[in-house]
C-alpha atoms as a PDB file:
ATOM      1  CA  MET A   1      10.290-107.090-109.310  1.00  0.00           C
ATOM      2  CA  GLN A   2      11.777-108.504-111.964  1.00  0.00           C
ATOM      3  CA  MET A   3      11.436-112.409-112.240  1.00  0.00           C
ATOM      4  CA  PRO A   4      13.331-114.607-111.327  1.00  0.00           C
ATOM      5  CA  MET A   5      14.320-113.206-108.229  1.00  0.00           C
ATOM      6  CA  ASP A   6      17.792-114.662-107.347  1.00  0.00           C
ATOM      7  CA  ILE A   7      19.065-114.984-103.786  1.00  0.00           C
ATOM      8  CA  LYS A   8      20.126-111.217-103.051  1.00  0.00           C
ATOM      9  CA  ALA A   9      16.425-110.148-104.102  1.00  0.00           C
ATOM     10  CA  ILE A  10      15.359-112.539-101.491  1.00  0.00           C
ATOM     11  CA  MET A  11      17.458-111.216 -98.912  1.00  0.00           C
ATOM     12  CA  GLY A  12      16.494-107.470 -99.601  1.00  0.00           C
ATOM     13  CA  ILE A  13      13.092-108.594 -98.634  1.00  0.00           C
ATOM     14  CA  LEU A  14      13.430-111.456 -95.969  1.00  0.00           C
ATOM     15  CA  LYS A  15      15.210-110.961 -92.484  1.00  0.00           C
ATOM     16  CA  GLN A  16      16.361-114.722 -92.240  1.00  0.00           C
ATOM     17  CA  ARG A  17      20.142-115.655 -93.205  1.00  0.00           C
ATOM     18  CA  TYR A  18      21.965-118.799 -93.430  1.00  0.00           C
ATOM     19  CA  PRO A  19      21.166-121.465 -91.943  1.00  0.00           C
ATOM     20  CA  PHE A  20      18.176-120.359 -91.586  1.00  0.00           C
ATOM     21  CA  LEU A  21      16.766-118.802 -95.212  1.00  0.00           C
ATOM     22  CA  MET A  22      14.817-121.457 -96.701  1.00  0.00           C
ATOM     23  CA  VAL A  23      14.637-120.374-100.290  1.00  0.00           C
ATOM     24  CA  ASP A  24      16.946-120.042-103.299  1.00  0.00           C
ATOM     25  CA  ARG A  25      14.832-118.634-105.638  1.00  0.00           C
ATOM     26  CA  ILE A  26      11.744-117.210-106.872  1.00  0.00           C
ATOM     27  CA  THR A  27      10.610-118.014-110.389  1.00  0.00           C
ATOM     28  CA  GLU A  28       6.618-116.970-110.255  1.00  0.00           C
ATOM     29  CA  CYS A  29       5.445-113.734-108.068  1.00  0.00           C
ATOM     30  CA  ASP A  30       2.748-111.433-108.255  1.00  0.00           C
ATOM     31  CA  ASN A  31       0.061-109.846-106.028  1.00  0.00           C
ATOM     32  CA  THR A  32      -1.714-113.139-105.030  1.00  0.00           C
ATOM     33  CA  HIS A  33       0.411-116.258-106.267  1.00  0.00           C
ATOM     34  CA  THR A  34       4.138-116.625-105.688  1.00  0.00           C
ATOM     35  CA  THR A  35       6.300-119.862-106.520  1.00  0.00           C
ATOM     36  CA  GLY A  36       9.872-120.413-105.072  1.00  0.00           C
ATOM     37  CA  TYR A  37      12.263-123.409-104.090  1.00  0.00           C
ATOM     38  CA  LYS A  38      14.728-124.635-101.766  1.00  0.00           C
ATOM     39  CA  ASN A  39      17.133-126.908-103.183  1.00  0.00           C
ATOM     40  CA  VAL A  40      18.102-129.523-100.663  1.00  0.00           C
ATOM     41  CA  THR A  41      21.975-131.060-100.270  1.00  0.00           C
ATOM     42  CA  ILE A  42      23.298-133.302 -97.808  1.00  0.00           C
ATOM     43  CA  ASN A  43      25.114-130.186 -96.420  1.00  0.00           C
ATOM     44  CA  GLU A  44      22.469-128.722 -94.549  1.00  0.00           C
ATOM     45  CA  PRO A  45      23.015-128.497 -90.992  1.00  0.00           C
ATOM     46  CA  PHE A  46      20.313-130.185 -90.046  1.00  0.00           C
ATOM     47  CA  PHE A  47      20.894-133.608 -91.725  1.00  0.00           C
ATOM     48  CA  VAL A  48      23.477-134.043 -89.013  1.00  0.00           C
ATOM     49  CA  GLY A  49      21.212-134.953 -86.517  1.00  0.00           C
ATOM     50  CA  HIS A  50      18.242-135.517 -88.287  1.00  0.00           C
ATOM     51  CA  PHE A  51      18.310-139.391 -89.239  1.00  0.00           C
ATOM     52  CA  PRO A  52      21.637-139.905 -90.189  1.00  0.00           C
ATOM     53  CA  SER A  53      20.865-143.270 -91.783  1.00  0.00           C
ATOM     54  CA  GLU A  54      17.475-141.988 -93.305  1.00  0.00           C
ATOM     55  CA  PRO A  55      18.347-138.612 -94.299  1.00  0.00           C
ATOM     56  CA  VAL A  56      14.895-136.280 -93.968  1.00  0.00           C
ATOM     57  CA  MET A  57      14.160-132.975 -93.920  1.00  0.00           C
ATOM     58  CA  PRO A  58      12.352-131.980 -90.828  1.00  0.00           C
ATOM     59  CA  GLY A  59       8.655-131.436 -91.124  1.00  0.00           C
ATOM     60  CA  VAL A  60       9.254-127.788 -89.344  1.00  0.00           C
ATOM     61  CA  LEU A  61      11.699-126.703 -91.762  1.00  0.00           C
ATOM     62  CA  ILE A  62       9.570-127.439 -94.831  1.00  0.00           C
ATOM     63  CA  LEU A  63       6.778-125.326 -93.093  1.00  0.00           C
ATOM     64  CA  GLU A  64       9.866-122.840 -92.820  1.00  0.00           C
ATOM     65  CA  SER A  65      10.761-122.916 -96.357  1.00  0.00           C
ATOM     66  CA  MET A  66       7.291-122.493 -97.533  1.00  0.00           C
ATOM     67  CA  GLY A  67       6.523-119.719 -94.888  1.00  0.00           C
ATOM     68  CA  GLN A  68       9.143-117.609 -96.477  1.00  0.00           C
ATOM     69  CA  VAL A  69       7.939-118.186-100.116  1.00  0.00           C
ATOM     70  CA  ALA A  70       4.511-116.914 -98.941  1.00  0.00           C
ATOM     71  CA  SER A  71       6.487-114.261 -96.858  1.00  0.00           C
ATOM     72  CA  VAL A  72       7.973-112.894-100.157  1.00  0.00           C
ATOM     73  CA  MET A  73       4.845-112.271-101.933  1.00  0.00           C
ATOM     74  CA  ALA A  74       2.981-110.828 -98.526  1.00  0.00           C
ATOM     75  CA  ALA A  75       6.099-108.026 -98.735  1.00  0.00           C
ATOM     76  CA  MET A  76       5.991-107.646-102.235  1.00  0.00           C
ATOM     77  CA  TYR A  77       1.922-107.447-102.244  1.00  0.00           C
ATOM     78  CA  MET A  78       2.410-104.681 -99.239  1.00  0.00           C
ATOM     79  CA  ALA A  79       5.587-102.916-101.251  1.00  0.00           C
ATOM     80  CA  GLN A  80       2.828-101.758-103.721  1.00  0.00           C
ATOM     81  CA  ASN A  81       1.319-100.044-101.025  1.00  0.00           C
ATOM     82  CA  ASN A  82       4.708 -98.398-100.828  1.00  0.00           C
ATOM     83  CA  GLU A  83       4.114-100.597 -96.965  1.00  0.00           C
ATOM     84  CA  VAL A  84       7.699-101.795 -96.334  1.00  0.00           C
ATOM     85  CA  LYS A  85       7.013-104.352 -93.308  1.00  0.00           C
ATOM     86  CA  THR A  86       8.370-108.030 -91.833  1.00  0.00           C
ATOM     87  CA  ILE A  87       6.035-110.559 -92.036  1.00  0.00           C
ATOM     88  CA  PHE A  88       6.119-112.682 -88.853  1.00  0.00           C
ATOM     89  CA  LEU A  89       4.735-115.803 -88.405  1.00  0.00           C
ATOM     90  CA  ALA A  90       1.576-116.268 -85.906  1.00  0.00           C
ATOM     91  CA  GLY A  91      -0.100-119.492 -86.808  1.00  0.00           C
ATOM     92  CA  VAL A  92      -0.079-122.569 -88.737  1.00  0.00           C
ATOM     93  CA  ASP A  93      -3.410-124.368 -89.374  1.00  0.00           C
ATOM     94  CA  LYS A  94      -4.008-127.830 -91.788  1.00  0.00           C
ATOM     95  CA  ALA A  95      -0.372-128.458 -91.832  1.00  0.00           C
ATOM     96  CA  ARG A  96       0.136-131.703 -93.639  1.00  0.00           C
ATOM     97  CA  PHE A  97       3.212-133.669 -94.561  1.00  0.00           C
ATOM     98  CA  ARG A  98       2.626-136.133 -97.756  1.00  0.00           C
ATOM     99  CA  LYS A  99       6.361-137.194 -98.986  1.00  0.00           C
ATOM    100  CA  PRO A 100       9.478-137.333 -97.070  1.00  0.00           C
ATOM    101  CA  VAL A 101      11.877-134.552 -98.262  1.00  0.00           C
ATOM    102  CA  ARG A 102      15.444-135.947 -99.005  1.00  0.00           C
ATOM    103  CA  PRO A 103      18.753-134.993-100.220  1.00  0.00           C
ATOM    104  CA  GLY A 104      18.979-134.013-103.732  1.00  0.00           C
ATOM    105  CA  ASP A 105      15.271-132.781-103.962  1.00  0.00           C
ATOM    106  CA  LYS A 106      14.191-129.632-104.967  1.00  0.00           C
ATOM    107  CA  LEU A 107      11.337-128.684-102.952  1.00  0.00           C
ATOM    108  CA  VAL A 108       8.952-125.954-104.911  1.00  0.00           C
ATOM    109  CA  THR A 109       6.436-124.190-102.766  1.00  0.00           C
ATOM    110  CA  LYS A 110       3.102-122.589-104.386  1.00  0.00           C
ATOM    111  CA  ALA A 111       1.837-119.675-102.368  1.00  0.00           C
ATOM    112  CA  GLU A 112      -1.528-117.860-102.667  1.00  0.00           C
ATOM    113  CA  LEU A 113      -3.009-114.688-100.652  1.00  0.00           C
ATOM    114  CA  LEU A 114      -6.086-115.554 -99.072  1.00  0.00           C
ATOM    115  CA  LYS A 115      -6.792-112.485 -96.984  1.00  0.00           C
ATOM    116  CA  LEU A 116      -4.267-109.370 -96.015  1.00  0.00           C
ATOM    117  CA  ARG A 117      -6.164-106.928 -93.698  1.00  0.00           C
ATOM    118  CA  GLY A 118      -4.679-104.107 -91.795  1.00  0.00           C
ATOM    119  CA  LEU A 119      -1.852-105.864 -89.968  1.00  0.00           C
ATOM    120  CA  TYR A 120      -2.980-109.437 -90.207  1.00  0.00           C
ATOM    121  CA  GLY A 121      -2.790-112.032 -93.014  1.00  0.00           C
ATOM    122  CA  ARG A 122      -3.414-115.486 -94.487  1.00  0.00           C
ATOM    123  CA  ALA A 123      -1.776-117.894 -97.012  1.00  0.00           C
ATOM    124  CA  LYS A 124      -2.024-121.243 -98.264  1.00  0.00           C
ATOM    125  CA  ALA A 125       1.159-122.606 -99.428  1.00  0.00           C
ATOM    126  CA  VAL A 126       1.829-125.993-101.169  1.00  0.00           C
ATOM    127  CA  ALA A 127       5.499-127.458-101.517  1.00  0.00           C
ATOM    128  CA  TYR A 128       5.878-130.286-103.804  1.00  0.00           C
ATOM    129  CA  VAL A 129       9.126-132.702-104.917  1.00  0.00           C
ATOM    130  CA  ASP A 130       9.054-133.838-108.768  1.00  0.00           C
ATOM    131  CA  ASP A 131       5.330-132.234-108.818  1.00  0.00           C
ATOM    132  CA  GLU A 132       4.184-134.674-105.874  1.00  0.00           C
ATOM    133  CA  VAL A 133       2.728-132.965-103.235  1.00  0.00           C
ATOM    134  CA  ALA A 134       5.122-133.063-100.540  1.00  0.00           C
ATOM    135  CA  ALA A 135       3.445-130.754 -97.973  1.00  0.00           C
ATOM    136  CA  GLU A 136       0.514-128.566 -97.292  1.00  0.00           C
ATOM    137  CA  ALA A 137      -0.500-125.810 -94.880  1.00  0.00           C
ATOM    138  CA  GLU A 138      -2.031-122.137 -94.101  1.00  0.00           C
ATOM    139  CA  PHE A 139      -0.002-119.677 -92.534  1.00  0.00           C
ATOM    140  CA  LEU A 140      -1.266-116.800 -90.560  1.00  0.00           C
ATOM    141  CA  PHE A 141       0.793-114.083 -90.463  1.00  0.00           C
ATOM    142  CA  ILE A 142       1.160-110.320 -88.860  1.00  0.00           C
ATOM    143  CA  THR A 143       3.073-107.270 -90.309  1.00  0.00           C
ATOM    144  CA  GLY A 144       5.034-105.020 -88.623  1.00  0.00           C
ATOM    145  CA  SER A 145       8.160-103.199 -87.891  1.00  0.00           C
ATOM    146  CA  THR A 146       9.028-105.331 -84.951  1.00  0.00           C
ATOM    147  CA  LEU A 147       7.262-107.562 -82.666  1.00  0.00           C
ATOM    148  CA  GLU A 148       7.724-105.126 -79.763  1.00  0.00           C
ATOM    149  CA  LYS A 149       4.414-104.111 -77.751  1.00  0.00           C
ATOM    150  CA  GLY A 150       5.077-100.660 -77.570  1.00  0.00           C
ATOM    151  CA  ASP A 151       6.602-100.093 -80.995  1.00  0.00           C
ATOM    152  CA  LYS A 152       4.191 -96.603 -82.583  1.00  0.00           C
ATOM    153  CA  ASN A 153       4.911 -98.477 -85.944  1.00  0.00           C
ATOM    154  CA  ASN A 154       2.841-101.640 -85.099  1.00  0.00           C
ATOM    155  CA  LYS A 155       0.016-102.047 -83.148  1.00  0.00           C
ATOM    156  CA  SER A 156       0.333-106.223 -83.243  1.00  0.00           C
ATOM    157  CA  GLY A 157       0.921-105.783 -79.655  1.00  0.00           C
ATOM    158  CA  ASP A 158      -2.714-103.723 -78.775  1.00  0.00           C
ATOM    159  CA  LYS A 159      -4.977-105.841 -76.729  1.00  0.00           C
ATOM    160  CA  ASP A 160      -7.329-104.256 -78.601  1.00  0.00           C
ATOM    161  CA  ASN A 161      -6.584-105.576 -81.750  1.00  0.00           C
ATOM    162  CA  ASN A 162      -7.469-109.416 -81.748  1.00  0.00           C
ATOM    163  CA  GLU A 163      -9.013-109.451 -85.164  1.00  0.00           C
ATOM    164  CA  GLU A 164      -8.319-113.328 -86.872  1.00  0.00           C
ATOM    165  CA  ALA A 165      -6.542-113.278 -90.474  1.00  0.00           C
END
């Protein structure tokens, strides 16, 4: 895919939509590394209730933004093999928040694909504000067309398929 990837291209890959689409642009993407960002503005709906006198982006939404950048990377990697799947979050490990993210910040995430085997994968992501680490985490994900156990195109619900990513 042509770089940079604008919001229309991102929406062609990710299923999330406003207000949960948390990546504005992908600036770099190859088989195992992706960089993308979210421009954080005071108009975000979460700032109304998340410390109005001291607005900071909630940690879970920072993780969501990081996970979405990693999802674009995993989806692009799978597309090379003509696999069109949705990336679903299965777990978060080693999450740490180092710096608050505030209105006006550009949250830049760099993601690295650590493992992708079968339906399961693992990615590491580090988010920066002004070249300082704001957050970091490892994401476990599962791929499929749906999360339904009975879906014949998605074996993620099978009891015998408990391989850890």
